[in-house]
Amino acid sequence: MSPDVKYPRTPYWPWSPSIGRDDGVHPYPGRFVGEPVVVTEKLDGGNTLLHGGKVYARSVLGPSEGKWMAMVKKHHAWKVNEPDVYLYGEDIYGVHSIEYGPVPEQATYYAFALRHGHGAFAPFSEVEAYANPREIPVVPVLFNGRFQSVAELRAFVEHAHAEPSVLGGEREGVVLRLARGFPVRDFSNNVCKSVRPGHVQTDEHWSRSWRPCRIAH
């Protein structure tokens, strides 16, 4: 697969409790004030692309054979088979640094972004419109509307960090994005993340000792 469909790196919210070294910081928080914004829960899992009935890890160099993607292959990958649709989501079947409450097999993958072809990310409403009829879970939405000031937005993000995950357990963080669609080249202007204190990024050896999440029966 062409590397230009790889999900871009997401810059940090300037007041994120943790800021890593690699993704940069969003330079203009006022970008998310005054127009429709969606704030979603940032889940702690593996960035996973569904396309052409197959599953790809973040590298998108080829379909993934990882055993930790067994549930998304079983329940959802085959539903995304249009040649021009790229559905991105978080796969929590393999536990990373947070273990959520027991979830059903079909709720171990949560869509968060959609591209039609190579040019633009779709509005968040299109993510929901595509995923919901196919019974593909979507990341929990914490806010959908307008913030009137950076101070109001900062207060919302701080409060969101203090709450537990919608899935049970600790909350990894939140993601802010403009509700409308935008060109891929403008991704870093329109999306940012805020992550919990002491955020641990999964290292390259994670797959050697991975274990599945708790499945609800």
C-alpha atoms as a PDB file:
ATOM      1  CA  MET A   1       0.000   0.000   0.000  1.00  0.00           C
ATOM      2  CA  SER A   2       1.168   3.534  -0.706  1.00  0.00           C
ATOM      3  CA  PRO A   3       2.803   5.106   2.375  1.00  0.00           C
ATOM      4  CA  ASP A   4       0.778   8.304   1.901  1.00  0.00           C
ATOM      5  CA  VAL A   5      -2.248   6.617   3.495  1.00  0.00           C
ATOM      6  CA  LYS A   6      -0.396   6.173   6.780  1.00  0.00           C
ATOM      7  CA  TYR A   7      -2.229   8.005   9.573  1.00  0.00           C
ATOM      8  CA  PRO A   8      -0.308  11.216  10.317  1.00  0.00           C
ATOM      9  CA  ARG A   9       1.376  12.014  13.611  1.00  0.00           C
ATOM     10  CA  THR A  10      -0.921  13.970  15.916  1.00  0.00           C
ATOM     11  CA  PRO A  11       0.493  17.090  17.606  1.00  0.00           C
ATOM     12  CA  TYR A  12      -0.022  17.671  21.314  1.00  0.00           C
ATOM     13  CA  TRP A  13      -2.424  20.113  22.908  1.00  0.00           C
ATOM     14  CA  PRO A  14      -0.146  22.809  24.405  1.00  0.00           C
ATOM     15  CA  TRP A  15      -1.301  22.044  27.958  1.00  0.00           C
ATOM     16  CA  SER A  16      -1.245  18.257  27.644  1.00  0.00           C
ATOM     17  CA  PRO A  17      -0.172  16.707  30.994  1.00  0.00           C
ATOM     18  CA  SER A  18       2.429  14.718  29.030  1.00  0.00           C
ATOM     19  CA  ILE A  19       4.176  15.752  25.834  1.00  0.00           C
ATOM     20  CA  GLY A  20       6.321  13.298  23.906  1.00  0.00           C
ATOM     21  CA  ARG A  21       9.364  14.178  21.867  1.00  0.00           C
ATOM     22  CA  ASP A  22       8.265  13.067  18.425  1.00  0.00           C
ATOM     23  CA  ASP A  23       4.867  14.531  17.570  1.00  0.00           C
ATOM     24  CA  GLY A  24       5.315  18.260  18.220  1.00  0.00           C
ATOM     25  CA  VAL A  25       2.933  20.723  19.869  1.00  0.00           C
ATOM     26  CA  HIS A  26      -0.009  22.423  18.195  1.00  0.00           C
ATOM     27  CA  PRO A  27       1.007  26.086  17.847  1.00  0.00           C
ATOM     28  CA  TYR A  28      -2.418  27.691  17.836  1.00  0.00           C
ATOM     29  CA  PRO A  29      -5.044  26.360  20.313  1.00  0.00           C
ATOM     30  CA  GLY A  30      -7.432  29.088  19.153  1.00  0.00           C
ATOM     31  CA  ARG A  31      -7.888  26.952  16.049  1.00  0.00           C
ATOM     32  CA  PHE A  32     -10.414  24.903  18.026  1.00  0.00           C
ATOM     33  CA  VAL A  33     -12.491  27.880  19.193  1.00  0.00           C
ATOM     34  CA  GLY A  34     -15.533  29.324  17.442  1.00  0.00           C
ATOM     35  CA  GLU A  35     -16.300  26.546  14.980  1.00  0.00           C
ATOM     36  CA  PRO A  36     -17.681  23.017  15.398  1.00  0.00           C
ATOM     37  CA  VAL A  37     -15.231  20.719  17.179  1.00  0.00           C
ATOM     38  CA  VAL A  38     -15.456  17.070  18.186  1.00  0.00           C
ATOM     39  CA  VAL A  39     -13.630  15.891  21.301  1.00  0.00           C
ATOM     40  CA  THR A  40     -13.245  12.124  21.551  1.00  0.00           C
ATOM     41  CA  GLU A  41     -11.651   9.833  24.091  1.00  0.00           C
ATOM     42  CA  LYS A  42      -8.126   8.795  23.139  1.00  0.00           C
ATOM     43  CA  LEU A  43      -8.032   5.046  23.626  1.00  0.00           C
ATOM     44  CA  ASP A  44      -4.848   3.173  24.490  1.00  0.00           C
ATOM     45  CA  GLY A  45      -4.415   0.651  21.719  1.00  0.00           C
ATOM     46  CA  GLY A  46      -2.889   0.098  18.310  1.00  0.00           C
ATOM     47  CA  ASN A  47      -3.502   2.504  15.428  1.00  0.00           C
ATOM     48  CA  THR A  48      -5.132   0.237  12.852  1.00  0.00           C
ATOM     49  CA  LEU A  49      -6.311   0.802   9.285  1.00  0.00           C
ATOM     50  CA  LEU A  50      -9.090  -1.168   7.591  1.00  0.00           C
ATOM     51  CA  HIS A  51      -9.033  -1.135   3.792  1.00  0.00           C
ATOM     52  CA  GLY A  52     -10.003  -3.531   1.039  1.00  0.00           C
ATOM     53  CA  GLY A  53     -11.154  -6.126   3.555  1.00  0.00           C
ATOM     54  CA  LYS A  54      -7.714  -6.256   5.173  1.00  0.00           C
ATOM     55  CA  VAL A  55      -6.082  -4.971   8.362  1.00  0.00           C
ATOM     56  CA  TYR A  56      -2.979  -2.789   8.412  1.00  0.00           C
ATOM     57  CA  ALA A  57      -0.835  -1.651  11.307  1.00  0.00           C
ATOM     58  CA  ARG A  58       0.400   1.936  11.395  1.00  0.00           C
ATOM     59  CA  SER A  59       3.229   1.166   8.950  1.00  0.00           C
ATOM     60  CA  VAL A  60       0.704   0.223   6.177  1.00  0.00           C
ATOM     61  CA  LEU A  61       3.529  -1.567   4.339  1.00  0.00           C
ATOM     62  CA  GLY A  62       1.397  -4.684   4.096  1.00  0.00           C
ATOM     63  CA  PRO A  63      -1.552  -6.423   5.756  1.00  0.00           C
ATOM     64  CA  SER A  64      -0.841  -7.294   9.380  1.00  0.00           C
ATOM     65  CA  GLU A  65      -0.527 -10.880  10.533  1.00  0.00           C
ATOM     66  CA  GLY A  66      -0.403  -9.965  14.239  1.00  0.00           C
ATOM     67  CA  LYS A  67      -2.437 -12.246  16.487  1.00  0.00           C
ATOM     68  CA  TRP A  68      -3.526  -9.186  18.470  1.00  0.00           C
ATOM     69  CA  MET A  69      -5.645  -8.167  15.470  1.00  0.00           C
ATOM     70  CA  ALA A  70      -7.691 -11.367  15.522  1.00  0.00           C
ATOM     71  CA  MET A  71     -10.903  -9.708  16.712  1.00  0.00           C
ATOM     72  CA  VAL A  72     -10.934  -6.832  14.220  1.00  0.00           C
ATOM     73  CA  LYS A  73     -10.277  -9.319  11.410  1.00  0.00           C
ATOM     74  CA  LYS A  74     -13.091 -11.551  12.618  1.00  0.00           C
ATOM     75  CA  HIS A  75     -15.708  -8.873  13.192  1.00  0.00           C
ATOM     76  CA  HIS A  76     -14.986  -5.779  11.083  1.00  0.00           C
ATOM     77  CA  ALA A  77     -12.221  -5.825   8.444  1.00  0.00           C
ATOM     78  CA  TRP A  78     -14.361  -7.613   5.870  1.00  0.00           C
ATOM     79  CA  LYS A  79     -17.003  -4.852   6.137  1.00  0.00           C
ATOM     80  CA  VAL A  80     -14.603  -2.220   4.736  1.00  0.00           C
ATOM     81  CA  ASN A  81     -14.095  -3.390   1.173  1.00  0.00           C
ATOM     82  CA  GLU A  82     -14.600  -0.333  -1.061  1.00  0.00           C
ATOM     83  CA  PRO A  83     -11.393   0.460  -2.987  1.00  0.00           C
ATOM     84  CA  ASP A  84     -11.417   4.167  -2.067  1.00  0.00           C
ATOM     85  CA  VAL A  85     -12.309   3.893   1.655  1.00  0.00           C
ATOM     86  CA  TYR A  86      -9.688   4.013   4.399  1.00  0.00           C
ATOM     87  CA  LEU A  87     -11.067   3.591   7.937  1.00  0.00           C
ATOM     88  CA  TYR A  88      -8.696   4.304  10.830  1.00  0.00           C
ATOM     89  CA  GLY A  89      -9.298   3.164  14.379  1.00  0.00           C
ATOM     90  CA  GLU A  90      -7.870   2.063  17.696  1.00  0.00           C
ATOM     91  CA  ASP A  91      -7.564  -1.666  18.369  1.00  0.00           C
ATOM     92  CA  ILE A  92      -7.600  -2.466  22.111  1.00  0.00           C
ATOM     93  CA  TYR A  93      -7.665  -6.271  21.871  1.00  0.00           C
ATOM     94  CA  GLY A  94      -3.960  -6.378  22.704  1.00  0.00           C
ATOM     95  CA  VAL A  95      -3.432  -4.665  26.072  1.00  0.00           C
ATOM     96  CA  HIS A  96      -0.975  -1.772  25.955  1.00  0.00           C
ATOM     97  CA  SER A  97      -0.489   0.303  29.124  1.00  0.00           C
ATOM     98  CA  ILE A  98      -4.169   0.492  30.182  1.00  0.00           C
ATOM     99  CA  GLU A  99      -6.457  -2.491  30.660  1.00  0.00           C
ATOM    100  CA  TYR A 100     -10.081  -1.543  30.138  1.00  0.00           C
ATOM    101  CA  GLY A 101     -13.123  -3.221  31.603  1.00  0.00           C
ATOM    102  CA  PRO A 102     -14.323  -6.410  29.901  1.00  0.00           C
ATOM    103  CA  VAL A 103     -15.608  -5.650  26.394  1.00  0.00           C
ATOM    104  CA  PRO A 104     -17.419  -7.829  23.837  1.00  0.00           C
ATOM    105  CA  GLU A 105     -15.303  -9.320  21.054  1.00  0.00           C
ATOM    106  CA  GLN A 106     -16.842  -6.978  18.509  1.00  0.00           C
ATOM    107  CA  ALA A 107     -16.031  -3.917  20.667  1.00  0.00           C
ATOM    108  CA  THR A 108     -12.245  -4.185  20.611  1.00  0.00           C
ATOM    109  CA  TYR A 109     -11.906  -1.809  17.637  1.00  0.00           C
ATOM    110  CA  TYR A 110     -13.071   1.829  17.557  1.00  0.00           C
ATOM    111  CA  ALA A 111     -13.090   3.920  14.375  1.00  0.00           C
ATOM    112  CA  PHE A 112     -11.921   7.523  14.615  1.00  0.00           C
ATOM    113  CA  ALA A 113     -11.149   8.761  11.077  1.00  0.00           C
ATOM    114  CA  LEU A 114     -12.172   8.133   7.478  1.00  0.00           C
ATOM    115  CA  ARG A 115     -10.587   8.974   4.145  1.00  0.00           C
ATOM    116  CA  HIS A 116     -12.140   8.694   0.700  1.00  0.00           C
ATOM    117  CA  GLY A 117      -9.218   8.229  -1.637  1.00  0.00           C
ATOM    118  CA  HIS A 118      -5.995  10.079  -0.901  1.00  0.00           C
ATOM    119  CA  GLY A 119      -7.068  13.713  -0.705  1.00  0.00           C
ATOM    120  CA  ALA A 120      -8.940  14.495   2.501  1.00  0.00           C
ATOM    121  CA  PHE A 121     -10.160  13.318   5.865  1.00  0.00           C
ATOM    122  CA  ALA A 122     -13.943  13.179   5.998  1.00  0.00           C
ATOM    123  CA  PRO A 123     -16.075  15.123   8.494  1.00  0.00           C
ATOM    124  CA  PHE A 124     -16.539  13.247  11.749  1.00  0.00           C
ATOM    125  CA  SER A 125     -20.240  12.859  10.939  1.00  0.00           C
ATOM    126  CA  GLU A 126     -19.201  10.755   7.936  1.00  0.00           C
ATOM    127  CA  VAL A 127     -17.105   8.500  10.178  1.00  0.00           C
ATOM    128  CA  GLU A 128     -20.266   7.805  12.174  1.00  0.00           C
ATOM    129  CA  ALA A 129     -22.461   7.524   9.079  1.00  0.00           C
ATOM    130  CA  TYR A 130     -20.112   4.928   7.593  1.00  0.00           C
ATOM    131  CA  ALA A 131     -19.414   2.934  10.757  1.00  0.00           C
ATOM    132  CA  ASN A 132     -22.789   2.859  12.489  1.00  0.00           C
ATOM    133  CA  PRO A 133     -24.805   0.958   9.830  1.00  0.00           C
ATOM    134  CA  ARG A 134     -21.980  -1.590   9.651  1.00  0.00           C
ATOM    135  CA  GLU A 135     -21.975  -1.986  13.449  1.00  0.00           C
ATOM    136  CA  ILE A 136     -18.359  -0.849  13.713  1.00  0.00           C
ATOM    137  CA  PRO A 137     -17.838   0.923  17.062  1.00  0.00           C
ATOM    138  CA  VAL A 138     -16.761   4.587  16.993  1.00  0.00           C
ATOM    139  CA  VAL A 139     -14.502   6.177  19.616  1.00  0.00           C
ATOM    140  CA  PRO A 140     -16.496   7.694  22.516  1.00  0.00           C
ATOM    141  CA  VAL A 141     -17.550  11.270  21.773  1.00  0.00           C
ATOM    142  CA  LEU A 142     -17.148  13.548  24.800  1.00  0.00           C
ATOM    143  CA  PHE A 143     -18.166  16.821  23.127  1.00  0.00           C
ATOM    144  CA  ASN A 144     -19.579  17.917  19.798  1.00  0.00           C
ATOM    145  CA  GLY A 145     -20.155  21.657  19.441  1.00  0.00           C
ATOM    146  CA  ARG A 146     -18.414  25.007  19.760  1.00  0.00           C
ATOM    147  CA  PHE A 147     -16.114  26.375  22.417  1.00  0.00           C
ATOM    148  CA  GLN A 148     -16.273  30.133  22.928  1.00  0.00           C
ATOM    149  CA  SER A 149     -12.750  30.614  24.278  1.00  0.00           C
ATOM    150  CA  VAL A 150      -9.449  28.845  24.801  1.00  0.00           C
ATOM    151  CA  ALA A 151     -10.085  29.073  28.560  1.00  0.00           C
ATOM    152  CA  GLU A 152     -13.364  27.178  28.194  1.00  0.00           C
ATOM    153  CA  LEU A 153     -11.667  24.535  26.088  1.00  0.00           C
ATOM    154  CA  ARG A 154      -8.759  24.195  28.527  1.00  0.00           C
ATOM    155  CA  ALA A 155     -11.207  23.689  31.393  1.00  0.00           C
ATOM    156  CA  PHE A 156     -13.091  21.023  29.435  1.00  0.00           C
ATOM    157  CA  VAL A 157      -9.917  19.092  28.639  1.00  0.00           C
ATOM    158  CA  GLU A 158      -8.734  19.257  32.253  1.00  0.00           C
ATOM    159  CA  HIS A 159     -12.099  17.949  33.466  1.00  0.00           C
ATOM    160  CA  ALA A 160     -12.049  15.174  30.857  1.00  0.00           C
ATOM    161  CA  HIS A 161      -8.654  14.026  32.106  1.00  0.00           C
ATOM    162  CA  ALA A 162     -10.050  13.706  35.635  1.00  0.00           C
ATOM    163  CA  GLU A 163     -12.747  11.260  34.550  1.00  0.00           C
ATOM    164  CA  PRO A 164     -12.361   7.502  33.964  1.00  0.00           C
ATOM    165  CA  SER A 165     -12.530   5.921  30.541  1.00  0.00           C
ATOM    166  CA  VAL A 166     -15.942   5.296  29.023  1.00  0.00           C
ATOM    167  CA  LEU A 167     -14.710   1.701  28.647  1.00  0.00           C
ATOM    168  CA  GLY A 168     -13.814   1.392  32.331  1.00  0.00           C
ATOM    169  CA  GLY A 169     -10.385   1.945  33.855  1.00  0.00           C
ATOM    170  CA  GLU A 170      -8.081   4.917  33.446  1.00  0.00           C
ATOM    171  CA  ARG A 171      -8.526   7.443  30.649  1.00  0.00           C
ATOM    172  CA  GLU A 172      -5.573   7.734  28.265  1.00  0.00           C
ATOM    173  CA  GLY A 173      -6.511  11.200  27.088  1.00  0.00           C
ATOM    174  CA  VAL A 174      -8.585  13.100  24.553  1.00  0.00           C
ATOM    175  CA  VAL A 175      -8.356  14.059  20.887  1.00  0.00           C
ATOM    176  CA  LEU A 176      -9.631  17.366  19.502  1.00  0.00           C
ATOM    177  CA  ARG A 177     -10.498  17.734  15.837  1.00  0.00           C
ATOM    178  CA  LEU A 178     -12.503  20.088  13.683  1.00  0.00           C
ATOM    179  CA  ALA A 179     -15.867  18.491  12.976  1.00  0.00           C
ATOM    180  CA  ARG A 180     -15.646  19.305   9.267  1.00  0.00           C
ATOM    181  CA  GLY A 181     -13.430  17.537   6.793  1.00  0.00           C
ATOM    182  CA  PHE A 182      -9.986  18.829   5.823  1.00  0.00           C
ATOM    183  CA  PRO A 183      -7.172  18.032   3.381  1.00  0.00           C
ATOM    184  CA  VAL A 184      -4.597  15.490   4.492  1.00  0.00           C
ATOM    185  CA  ARG A 185      -1.865  18.123   4.133  1.00  0.00           C
ATOM    186  CA  ASP A 186      -3.656  20.236   6.791  1.00  0.00           C
ATOM    187  CA  PHE A 187      -4.028  17.419   9.315  1.00  0.00           C
ATOM    188  CA  SER A 188      -1.649  18.877  11.905  1.00  0.00           C
ATOM    189  CA  ASN A 189      -3.585  22.169  11.903  1.00  0.00           C
ATOM    190  CA  ASN A 190      -6.921  20.512  12.584  1.00  0.00           C
ATOM    191  CA  VAL A 191      -6.227  17.725  15.087  1.00  0.00           C
ATOM    192  CA  CYS A 192      -4.383  17.512  18.416  1.00  0.00           C
ATOM    193  CA  LYS A 193      -4.196  15.237  21.451  1.00  0.00           C
ATOM    194  CA  SER A 194      -3.851  15.583  25.203  1.00  0.00           C
ATOM    195  CA  VAL A 195      -2.560  12.587  27.160  1.00  0.00           C
ATOM    196  CA  ARG A 196      -2.485  11.649  30.824  1.00  0.00           C
ATOM    197  CA  PRO A 197       0.415  12.365  33.189  1.00  0.00           C
ATOM    198  CA  GLY A 198       3.148   9.752  32.948  1.00  0.00           C
ATOM    199  CA  HIS A 199       1.877   8.596  29.571  1.00  0.00           C
ATOM    200  CA  VAL A 200       3.878   5.563  28.471  1.00  0.00           C
ATOM    201  CA  GLN A 201       4.284   5.024  24.743  1.00  0.00           C
ATOM    202  CA  THR A 202       4.365   1.360  23.881  1.00  0.00           C
ATOM    203  CA  ASP A 203       7.866   0.277  22.899  1.00  0.00           C
ATOM    204  CA  GLU A 204       8.858  -1.744  19.861  1.00  0.00           C
ATOM    205  CA  HIS A 205       9.036  -4.962  21.892  1.00  0.00           C
ATOM    206  CA  TRP A 206       5.352  -4.842  22.904  1.00  0.00           C
ATOM    207  CA  SER A 207       4.327  -7.575  20.460  1.00  0.00           C
ATOM    208  CA  ARG A 208       6.712 -10.126  21.971  1.00  0.00           C
ATOM    209  CA  SER A 209       4.795 -10.422  25.224  1.00  0.00           C
ATOM    210  CA  TRP A 210       1.342  -9.119  24.334  1.00  0.00           C
ATOM    211  CA  ARG A 211      -1.792 -10.404  26.021  1.00  0.00           C
ATOM    212  CA  PRO A 212      -5.452 -10.063  25.055  1.00  0.00           C
ATOM    213  CA  CYS A 213      -7.830  -7.728  26.841  1.00  0.00           C
ATOM    214  CA  ARG A 214     -10.640  -9.036  29.007  1.00  0.00           C
ATOM    215  CA  ILE A 215     -13.567 -10.205  26.880  1.00  0.00           C
ATOM    216  CA  ALA A 216     -17.134  -9.929  28.178  1.00  0.00           C
ATOM    217  CA  HIS A 217     -19.131 -13.132  27.922  1.00  0.00           C
END
